Amino acid sequence: MLMKTSLENEREPEVPQPPDSRRKALLGLVFVLLLIVAGMFLTYVLRRVSQLQDCAMSGHSNCAPIDSTTTAR
């Protein structure tokens, strides 16, 4: 008869861990891309507002952008 030592009795069999899902990595990538797009949009809007303010501060009275999509008759 073989006798088991106390260490062998306390050890539990290792349960294999499932492989990590790539869902978290994909969500992180989507979040970072959304932050980049939002930052670019915010930069564009702030640049336009800054140009309009610069025009107004220099004393010009007609600082509105010209709409070039309308056709003249």
N, C-alpha and C. Protein backbone atom coordinates (compact mmCIF):
# COMPACT_ATOMS: atom_id res chain seq x y z
N MET A 1 0.80 -1.18 0.00
CA MET A 1 0.00 0.00 0.00
C MET A 1 0.85 1.25 0.00
N LEU A 2 0.46 2.18 -0.81
CA LEU A 2 1.17 3.46 -0.86
C LEU A 2 0.44 4.47 -0.01
N MET A 3 1.20 5.18 0.76
CA MET A 3 0.59 6.21 1.61
C MET A 3 0.81 7.57 0.97
N LYS A 4 -0.22 8.36 0.95
CA LYS A 4 -0.12 9.70 0.39
C LYS A 4 0.35 10.66 1.47
N THR A 5 1.18 11.57 1.07
CA THR A 5 1.64 12.58 2.02
C THR A 5 0.59 13.66 2.13
N SER A 6 0.73 14.50 3.14
CA SER A 6 -0.27 15.55 3.36
C SER A 6 -0.26 16.58 2.24
N LEU A 7 0.89 16.80 1.58
CA LEU A 7 0.95 17.76 0.48
C LEU A 7 0.16 17.26 -0.72
N GLU A 8 0.19 16.00 -0.98
CA GLU A 8 -0.54 15.46 -2.11
C GLU A 8 -2.04 15.52 -1.87
N ASN A 9 -2.47 15.41 -0.64
CA ASN A 9 -3.89 15.48 -0.33
C ASN A 9 -4.42 16.90 -0.47
N GLU A 10 -3.59 17.91 -0.20
CA GLU A 10 -4.04 19.31 -0.24
C GLU A 10 -4.03 19.89 -1.65
N ARG A 11 -3.25 19.33 -2.52
CA ARG A 11 -3.13 19.87 -3.87
C ARG A 11 -4.39 19.57 -4.68
N GLU A 12 -4.93 20.61 -5.30
CA GLU A 12 -6.11 20.43 -6.15
C GLU A 12 -5.65 20.33 -7.60
N PRO A 13 -6.37 19.59 -8.38
CA PRO A 13 -5.97 19.52 -9.79
C PRO A 13 -6.15 20.88 -10.47
N GLU A 14 -5.23 21.20 -11.36
CA GLU A 14 -5.28 22.48 -12.05
C GLU A 14 -6.39 22.46 -13.10
N VAL A 15 -7.18 23.51 -13.06
CA VAL A 15 -8.26 23.65 -14.03
C VAL A 15 -7.73 24.47 -15.19
N PRO A 16 -7.81 23.97 -16.40
CA PRO A 16 -7.30 24.75 -17.53
C PRO A 16 -8.11 26.04 -17.71
N GLN A 17 -7.41 27.14 -17.88
CA GLN A 17 -8.05 28.44 -18.07
C GLN A 17 -8.45 28.60 -19.54
N PRO A 18 -9.65 29.12 -19.78
CA PRO A 18 -10.04 29.35 -21.17
C PRO A 18 -9.19 30.47 -21.77
N PRO A 19 -8.93 30.40 -23.05
CA PRO A 19 -8.13 31.46 -23.67
C PRO A 19 -8.86 32.81 -23.57
N ASP A 20 -8.07 33.86 -23.42
CA ASP A 20 -8.66 35.20 -23.31
C ASP A 20 -9.39 35.56 -24.59
N SER A 21 -10.53 36.16 -24.41
CA SER A 21 -11.32 36.61 -25.55
C SER A 21 -10.72 37.89 -26.11
N ARG A 22 -10.81 38.06 -27.37
CA ARG A 22 -10.29 39.28 -28.00
C ARG A 22 -11.32 40.40 -27.98
N ARG A 23 -12.45 40.12 -27.37
CA ARG A 23 -13.52 41.12 -27.31
C ARG A 23 -13.07 42.37 -26.57
N LYS A 24 -12.37 42.19 -25.45
CA LYS A 24 -11.91 43.34 -24.67
C LYS A 24 -10.90 44.16 -25.47
N ALA A 25 -10.01 43.50 -26.18
CA ALA A 25 -9.03 44.22 -27.00
C ALA A 25 -9.72 44.98 -28.12
N LEU A 26 -10.72 44.37 -28.73
CA LEU A 26 -11.45 45.03 -29.81
C LEU A 26 -12.23 46.23 -29.29
N LEU A 27 -12.87 46.08 -28.14
CA LEU A 27 -13.59 47.21 -27.54
C LEU A 27 -12.63 48.34 -27.18
N GLY A 28 -11.46 48.01 -26.69
CA GLY A 28 -10.45 49.02 -26.39
C GLY A 28 -10.01 49.75 -27.64
N LEU A 29 -9.81 49.02 -28.72
CA LEU A 29 -9.41 49.64 -29.98
C LEU A 29 -10.51 50.57 -30.50
N VAL A 30 -11.75 50.14 -30.44
CA VAL A 30 -12.88 50.97 -30.89
C VAL A 30 -12.95 52.24 -30.04
N PHE A 31 -12.76 52.10 -28.73
CA PHE A 31 -12.80 53.25 -27.83
C PHE A 31 -11.70 54.25 -28.18
N VAL A 32 -10.50 53.76 -28.43
CA VAL A 32 -9.38 54.65 -28.77
C VAL A 32 -9.65 55.34 -30.11
N LEU A 33 -10.18 54.61 -31.08
CA LEU A 33 -10.49 55.22 -32.37
C LEU A 33 -11.57 56.29 -32.24
N LEU A 34 -12.56 56.05 -31.39
CA LEU A 34 -13.59 57.07 -31.15
C LEU A 34 -13.00 58.31 -30.50
N LEU A 35 -12.08 58.12 -29.59
CA LEU A 35 -11.41 59.27 -28.96
C LEU A 35 -10.61 60.06 -29.98
N ILE A 36 -9.95 59.37 -30.90
CA ILE A 36 -9.17 60.06 -31.93
C ILE A 36 -10.09 60.85 -32.86
N VAL A 37 -11.18 60.25 -33.29
CA VAL A 37 -12.12 60.94 -34.18
C VAL A 37 -12.74 62.14 -33.46
N ALA A 38 -13.12 61.97 -32.21
CA ALA A 38 -13.69 63.08 -31.44
C ALA A 38 -12.67 64.20 -31.27
N GLY A 39 -11.42 63.86 -31.04
CA GLY A 39 -10.37 64.86 -30.92
C GLY A 39 -10.15 65.62 -32.21
N MET A 40 -10.19 64.91 -33.33
CA MET A 40 -10.02 65.58 -34.63
C MET A 40 -11.19 66.51 -34.92
N PHE A 41 -12.41 66.07 -34.61
CA PHE A 41 -13.58 66.91 -34.82
C PHE A 41 -13.51 68.16 -33.93
N LEU A 42 -13.13 67.97 -32.68
CA LEU A 42 -13.02 69.10 -31.76
C LEU A 42 -11.96 70.08 -32.23
N THR A 43 -10.85 69.58 -32.74
CA THR A 43 -9.79 70.44 -33.27
C THR A 43 -10.31 71.24 -34.46
N TYR A 44 -11.06 70.60 -35.34
CA TYR A 44 -11.62 71.29 -36.51
C TYR A 44 -12.57 72.41 -36.07
N VAL A 45 -13.47 72.11 -35.14
CA VAL A 45 -14.44 73.11 -34.69
C VAL A 45 -13.74 74.27 -33.99
N LEU A 46 -12.80 73.97 -33.13
CA LEU A 46 -12.09 75.04 -32.42
C LEU A 46 -11.27 75.90 -33.38
N ARG A 47 -10.73 75.30 -34.42
CA ARG A 47 -9.97 76.07 -35.41
C ARG A 47 -10.89 77.04 -36.15
N ARG A 48 -12.06 76.55 -36.54
CA ARG A 48 -13.01 77.44 -37.25
C ARG A 48 -13.46 78.59 -36.36
N VAL A 49 -13.76 78.31 -35.10
CA VAL A 49 -14.19 79.35 -34.16
C VAL A 49 -13.05 80.34 -33.94
N SER A 50 -11.83 79.84 -33.86
CA SER A 50 -10.67 80.71 -33.65
C SER A 50 -10.47 81.65 -34.84
N GLN A 51 -10.64 81.13 -36.05
CA GLN A 51 -10.51 81.97 -37.23
C GLN A 51 -11.58 83.06 -37.25
N LEU A 52 -12.80 82.70 -36.87
CA LEU A 52 -13.88 83.68 -36.83
C LEU A 52 -13.61 84.74 -35.77
N GLN A 53 -13.11 84.34 -34.63
CA GLN A 53 -12.78 85.31 -33.57
C GLN A 53 -11.63 86.21 -33.99
N ASP A 54 -10.63 85.65 -34.66
CA ASP A 54 -9.51 86.47 -35.13
C ASP A 54 -9.99 87.52 -36.12
N CYS A 55 -10.90 87.13 -37.00
CA CYS A 55 -11.45 88.08 -37.97
C CYS A 55 -12.21 89.19 -37.26
N ALA A 56 -13.03 88.83 -36.30
CA ALA A 56 -13.82 89.82 -35.57
C ALA A 56 -12.93 90.74 -34.73
N MET A 57 -11.90 90.18 -34.11
CA MET A 57 -11.01 90.98 -33.27
C MET A 57 -10.15 91.94 -34.09
N SER A 58 -9.94 91.65 -35.38
CA SER A 58 -9.15 92.54 -36.21
C SER A 58 -9.98 93.69 -36.77
N GLY A 59 -11.27 93.71 -36.44
CA GLY A 59 -12.11 94.84 -36.81
C GLY A 59 -12.91 94.66 -38.08
N HIS A 60 -12.86 93.51 -38.67
CA HIS A 60 -13.64 93.29 -39.90
C HIS A 60 -15.11 93.12 -39.54
N SER A 61 -15.98 93.57 -40.43
CA SER A 61 -17.41 93.50 -40.13
C SER A 61 -18.08 92.30 -40.79
N ASN A 62 -17.46 91.73 -41.82
CA ASN A 62 -18.07 90.60 -42.52
C ASN A 62 -17.16 89.37 -42.36
N CYS A 63 -17.30 88.68 -41.26
CA CYS A 63 -16.42 87.55 -40.97
C CYS A 63 -17.07 86.20 -41.26
N ALA A 64 -18.30 86.21 -41.72
CA ALA A 64 -18.98 84.95 -41.98
C ALA A 64 -18.34 84.26 -43.17
N PRO A 65 -18.21 82.94 -43.14
CA PRO A 65 -17.64 82.23 -44.29
C PRO A 65 -18.56 82.36 -45.50
N ILE A 66 -17.97 82.40 -46.67
CA ILE A 66 -18.72 82.53 -47.92
C ILE A 66 -19.14 81.14 -48.38
N ASP A 67 -20.42 80.98 -48.68
CA ASP A 67 -20.93 79.71 -49.16
C ASP A 67 -20.70 79.63 -50.66
N SER A 68 -19.79 78.76 -51.08
CA SER A 68 -19.45 78.67 -52.49
C SER A 68 -20.27 77.62 -53.24
N THR A 69 -21.22 76.98 -52.55
CA THR A 69 -22.03 75.95 -53.21
C THR A 69 -23.23 76.53 -53.93
N THR A 70 -23.60 77.77 -53.66
CA THR A 70 -24.74 78.37 -54.35
C THR A 70 -24.31 78.83 -55.73
N THR A 71 -25.25 78.73 -56.67
CA THR A 71 -24.95 79.14 -58.04
C THR A 71 -25.54 80.52 -58.30
N ALA A 72 -24.81 81.33 -59.02
CA ALA A 72 -25.30 82.67 -59.38
C ALA A 72 -26.12 82.59 -60.64
N ARG A 73 -27.18 83.38 -60.71
CA ARG A 73 -28.05 83.36 -61.91
C ARG A 73 -27.76 84.52 -62.78
